[in-house]
Structures are given as structure tokens and as C-alpha cells.
């Protein structure tokens, strides 16, 4: 992966985590948003491959990562919810 590829992945991760934060009304640090976005990109890519969805380019990767990040935060919220 080239240096620009790593930079683009970090930008997509931060943006996906930030969008997921807004959608689910959460407040996380910039580092947390990056982690949420990266985890979301793996989740989103897994789901997209299972349903045979192919979105290319920056916007496509951002959409897949954001959906994955939202799903990740939603499930995490269900697990961490007080009894």
C-alpha cells in the first residue's frame, strides 16, 4: 500500500467514524472515530461482499465504511447498555 493509500484509508476511517457518531448521536475522540471507521470498513466490506455489492472509489468506500461503522456502534451500544 502506498503512502497515499494509507492516508486515504485514514481519511475514510475518520470520516466514516465521524458520520456514524453524528447519526447515532455519540461523542468520541478523533482517535476513536478513526478506530470506529476502520472497524466499520471491515464490517462494511464483509457485508458488501456477502450481498455482492461493488462500490468503487472514494465515495463508495466511504459509504461502505460508514454503514459498517454505524452497525458497529449500534451493536456496541446494545452490548454496553446498562441492565
N, C-alpha and C. Protein backbone atom coordinates (compact mmCIF):
# COMPACT_ATOMS: atom_id res chain seq x y z
N UNK A 1 0.85 -1.18 0.00
CA UNK A 1 0.00 0.00 0.00
C UNK A 1 0.89 1.23 0.00
N UNK A 2 0.62 2.16 -0.85
CA UNK A 2 1.42 3.37 -0.94
C UNK A 2 1.08 4.32 0.20
N UNK A 3 1.93 5.33 0.37
CA UNK A 3 1.69 6.33 1.41
C UNK A 3 0.36 7.03 1.22
N UNK A 4 0.00 7.30 -0.01
CA UNK A 4 -1.28 7.95 -0.28
C UNK A 4 -2.43 7.02 0.04
N UNK A 5 -2.24 5.71 -0.16
CA UNK A 5 -3.29 4.75 0.17
C UNK A 5 -3.56 4.71 1.67
N UNK A 6 -2.51 4.78 2.46
CA UNK A 6 -2.66 4.80 3.91
C UNK A 6 -3.36 6.09 4.34
N UNK A 7 -2.96 7.20 3.74
CA UNK A 7 -3.59 8.48 4.05
C UNK A 7 -5.07 8.47 3.69
N UNK A 8 -5.39 7.96 2.52
CA UNK A 8 -6.79 7.89 2.08
C UNK A 8 -7.60 6.99 3.00
N UNK A 9 -7.02 5.86 3.42
CA UNK A 9 -7.71 4.96 4.33
C UNK A 9 -7.97 5.64 5.68
N UNK A 10 -6.99 6.40 6.16
CA UNK A 10 -7.17 7.13 7.42
C UNK A 10 -8.27 8.19 7.30
N UNK A 11 -8.28 8.90 6.19
CA UNK A 11 -9.30 9.93 5.97
C UNK A 11 -10.69 9.28 5.90
N UNK A 12 -10.80 8.19 5.16
CA UNK A 12 -12.08 7.48 5.06
C UNK A 12 -12.51 6.98 6.44
N UNK A 13 -11.56 6.44 7.21
CA UNK A 13 -11.88 5.95 8.55
C UNK A 13 -12.38 7.05 9.47
N UNK A 14 -11.69 8.19 9.46
CA UNK A 14 -12.11 9.32 10.30
C UNK A 14 -13.48 9.82 9.87
N UNK A 15 -13.67 9.99 8.57
CA UNK A 15 -14.97 10.48 8.08
C UNK A 15 -16.10 9.50 8.39
N UNK A 16 -15.85 8.22 8.19
CA UNK A 16 -16.88 7.20 8.47
C UNK A 16 -17.22 7.19 9.95
N UNK A 17 -16.21 7.24 10.81
CA UNK A 17 -16.45 7.28 12.25
C UNK A 17 -17.18 8.55 12.67
N UNK A 18 -16.82 9.68 12.06
CA UNK A 18 -17.47 10.95 12.36
C UNK A 18 -18.95 10.93 11.95
N UNK A 19 -19.22 10.42 10.75
CA UNK A 19 -20.61 10.34 10.28
C UNK A 19 -21.42 9.40 11.17
N UNK A 20 -20.83 8.26 11.54
CA UNK A 20 -21.52 7.32 12.43
C UNK A 20 -21.80 7.96 13.78
N UNK A 21 -20.85 8.75 14.29
CA UNK A 21 -21.04 9.48 15.54
C UNK A 21 -22.25 10.42 15.45
N UNK A 22 -22.34 11.14 14.34
CA UNK A 22 -23.45 12.08 14.14
C UNK A 22 -24.77 11.33 14.04
N UNK A 23 -24.81 10.28 13.23
CA UNK A 23 -26.05 9.53 13.01
C UNK A 23 -26.57 8.95 14.32
N UNK A 24 -25.67 8.43 15.15
CA UNK A 24 -26.09 7.78 16.40
C UNK A 24 -25.95 8.70 17.62
N UNK A 25 -25.70 9.98 17.39
CA UNK A 25 -25.60 11.00 18.45
C UNK A 25 -24.63 10.57 19.55
N UNK A 26 -23.42 10.21 19.17
CA UNK A 26 -22.37 9.82 20.11
C UNK A 26 -21.29 10.89 20.09
N UNK A 27 -20.42 10.85 21.08
CA UNK A 27 -19.28 11.77 21.12
C UNK A 27 -18.02 10.97 21.41
N UNK A 28 -17.20 10.82 20.39
CA UNK A 28 -15.94 10.09 20.52
C UNK A 28 -14.79 11.00 20.12
N UNK A 29 -13.60 10.67 20.58
CA UNK A 29 -12.40 11.42 20.21
C UNK A 29 -12.05 11.14 18.75
N UNK A 30 -11.15 11.94 18.22
CA UNK A 30 -10.72 11.76 16.84
C UNK A 30 -10.11 10.38 16.64
N UNK A 31 -9.28 9.93 17.60
CA UNK A 31 -8.68 8.60 17.51
C UNK A 31 -9.75 7.51 17.54
N UNK A 32 -10.75 7.67 18.40
CA UNK A 32 -11.84 6.69 18.48
C UNK A 32 -12.62 6.64 17.18
N UNK A 33 -12.85 7.81 16.59
CA UNK A 33 -13.56 7.86 15.32
C UNK A 33 -12.78 7.12 14.23
N UNK A 34 -11.45 7.26 14.25
CA UNK A 34 -10.62 6.54 13.29
C UNK A 34 -10.76 5.04 13.49
N UNK A 35 -10.67 4.58 14.73
CA UNK A 35 -10.82 3.15 15.01
C UNK A 35 -12.20 2.64 14.63
N UNK A 36 -13.23 3.41 14.96
CA UNK A 36 -14.60 3.04 14.60
C UNK A 36 -14.73 2.93 13.09
N UNK A 37 -14.17 3.89 12.37
CA UNK A 37 -14.23 3.87 10.91
C UNK A 37 -13.48 2.71 10.30
N UNK A 38 -12.30 2.38 10.86
CA UNK A 38 -11.52 1.25 10.34
C UNK A 38 -12.25 -0.06 10.60
N UNK A 39 -12.75 -0.24 11.82
CA UNK A 39 -13.52 -1.44 12.13
C UNK A 39 -14.76 -1.49 11.24
N UNK A 40 -15.40 -0.34 11.07
CA UNK A 40 -16.58 -0.25 10.20
C UNK A 40 -16.27 -0.60 8.76
N UNK A 41 -15.07 -0.25 8.30
CA UNK A 41 -14.73 -0.58 6.91
C UNK A 41 -14.61 -2.09 6.72
N UNK A 42 -14.08 -2.78 7.73
CA UNK A 42 -14.01 -4.24 7.63
C UNK A 42 -15.41 -4.86 7.67
N UNK A 43 -16.24 -4.36 8.57
CA UNK A 43 -17.61 -4.87 8.67
C UNK A 43 -18.38 -4.58 7.38
N UNK A 44 -18.27 -3.34 6.91
CA UNK A 44 -18.96 -2.95 5.69
C UNK A 44 -18.50 -3.73 4.48
N UNK A 45 -17.18 -3.94 4.36
CA UNK A 45 -16.64 -4.70 3.23
C UNK A 45 -17.11 -6.15 3.29
N UNK A 46 -17.16 -6.72 4.49
CA UNK A 46 -17.63 -8.10 4.64
C UNK A 46 -19.09 -8.21 4.18
N UNK A 47 -19.93 -7.30 4.66
CA UNK A 47 -21.35 -7.33 4.29
C UNK A 47 -21.52 -7.08 2.80
N UNK A 48 -20.80 -6.09 2.25
CA UNK A 48 -20.91 -5.78 0.83
C UNK A 48 -20.51 -6.97 -0.03
N UNK A 49 -19.48 -7.69 0.39
CA UNK A 49 -19.07 -8.86 -0.40
C UNK A 49 -20.10 -9.98 -0.31
N UNK A 50 -20.75 -10.11 0.84
CA UNK A 50 -21.76 -11.16 1.01
C UNK A 50 -23.01 -10.90 0.17
N UNK A 51 -23.35 -9.63 -0.03
CA UNK A 51 -24.54 -9.33 -0.83
C UNK A 51 -24.17 -8.96 -2.27
N UNK A 52 -22.89 -9.16 -2.60
CA UNK A 52 -22.38 -8.91 -3.95
C UNK A 52 -22.59 -7.47 -4.39
N UNK A 53 -22.27 -6.53 -3.50
CA UNK A 53 -22.37 -5.10 -3.77
C UNK A 53 -20.97 -4.56 -4.03
N UNK A 54 -20.79 -3.89 -5.15
CA UNK A 54 -19.47 -3.37 -5.52
C UNK A 54 -19.56 -1.86 -5.72
N UNK A 55 -19.04 -1.10 -4.75
CA UNK A 55 -18.97 0.35 -4.85
C UNK A 55 -17.51 0.73 -4.95
N UNK A 56 -17.14 1.43 -6.00
CA UNK A 56 -15.74 1.76 -6.22
C UNK A 56 -15.48 3.23 -5.91
N UNK A 57 -14.24 3.54 -5.69
CA UNK A 57 -13.81 4.91 -5.50
C UNK A 57 -13.97 5.38 -4.06
N UNK A 58 -13.55 6.60 -3.84
CA UNK A 58 -13.56 7.19 -2.50
C UNK A 58 -14.95 7.21 -1.90
N UNK A 59 -15.93 7.67 -2.67
CA UNK A 59 -17.30 7.78 -2.17
C UNK A 59 -17.88 6.40 -1.86
N UNK A 60 -17.65 5.44 -2.72
CA UNK A 60 -18.13 4.08 -2.48
C UNK A 60 -17.54 3.49 -1.23
N UNK A 61 -16.22 3.66 -1.04
CA UNK A 61 -15.56 3.15 0.15
C UNK A 61 -16.06 3.87 1.41
N UNK A 62 -16.32 5.16 1.28
CA UNK A 62 -16.84 5.93 2.41
C UNK A 62 -18.24 5.44 2.80
N UNK A 63 -19.08 5.16 1.83
CA UNK A 63 -20.43 4.66 2.10
C UNK A 63 -20.37 3.31 2.81
N UNK A 64 -19.57 2.40 2.26
CA UNK A 64 -19.44 1.06 2.86
C UNK A 64 -18.88 1.15 4.28
N UNK A 65 -17.85 1.97 4.47
CA UNK A 65 -17.24 2.13 5.79
C UNK A 65 -18.20 2.77 6.78
N UNK A 66 -18.96 3.75 6.34
CA UNK A 66 -19.91 4.43 7.22
C UNK A 66 -21.02 3.49 7.66
N UNK A 67 -21.56 2.72 6.74
CA UNK A 67 -22.61 1.75 7.10
C UNK A 67 -22.06 0.73 8.10
N UNK A 68 -20.85 0.25 7.85
CA UNK A 68 -20.23 -0.67 8.78
C UNK A 68 -19.99 -0.05 10.15
N UNK A 69 -19.55 1.22 10.17
CA UNK A 69 -19.30 1.91 11.44
C UNK A 69 -20.60 2.13 12.21
N UNK A 70 -21.66 2.46 11.51
CA UNK A 70 -22.97 2.64 12.17
C UNK A 70 -23.43 1.32 12.77
N UNK A 71 -23.30 0.24 12.01
CA UNK A 71 -23.68 -1.08 12.54
C UNK A 71 -22.82 -1.45 13.75
N UNK A 72 -21.53 -1.19 13.67
CA UNK A 72 -20.63 -1.48 14.78
C UNK A 72 -21.03 -0.71 16.03
N UNK A 73 -21.27 0.60 15.91
CA UNK A 73 -21.66 1.39 17.07
C UNK A 73 -23.02 0.98 17.61
N UNK A 74 -23.94 0.61 16.73
CA UNK A 74 -25.27 0.19 17.18
C UNK A 74 -25.18 -1.10 17.99
N UNK A 75 -24.42 -2.06 17.49
CA UNK A 75 -24.26 -3.33 18.22
C UNK A 75 -23.50 -3.09 19.52
N UNK A 76 -22.46 -2.28 19.48
CA UNK A 76 -21.71 -1.95 20.68
C UNK A 76 -22.61 -1.28 21.72
N UNK A 77 -23.50 -0.41 21.26
CA UNK A 77 -24.44 0.25 22.16
C UNK A 77 -25.40 -0.73 22.81
N UNK A 78 -25.82 -1.74 22.07
CA UNK A 78 -26.71 -2.76 22.64
C UNK A 78 -25.99 -3.60 23.69
N UNK A 79 -24.73 -3.91 23.43
CA UNK A 79 -23.95 -4.72 24.35
C UNK A 79 -23.62 -3.94 25.63
N UNK A 80 -23.30 -2.68 25.50
CA UNK A 80 -22.86 -1.87 26.65
C UNK A 80 -24.01 -1.20 27.38
N UNK A 81 -25.22 -1.40 26.93
CA UNK A 81 -26.38 -0.76 27.55
C UNK A 81 -26.57 -1.30 28.98
N UNK A 82 -26.78 -0.41 29.95
CA UNK A 82 -26.99 -0.88 31.33
C UNK A 82 -28.27 -1.69 31.46
N UNK A 83 -28.24 -2.66 32.36
CA UNK A 83 -29.38 -3.56 32.54
C UNK A 83 -30.51 -2.91 33.31
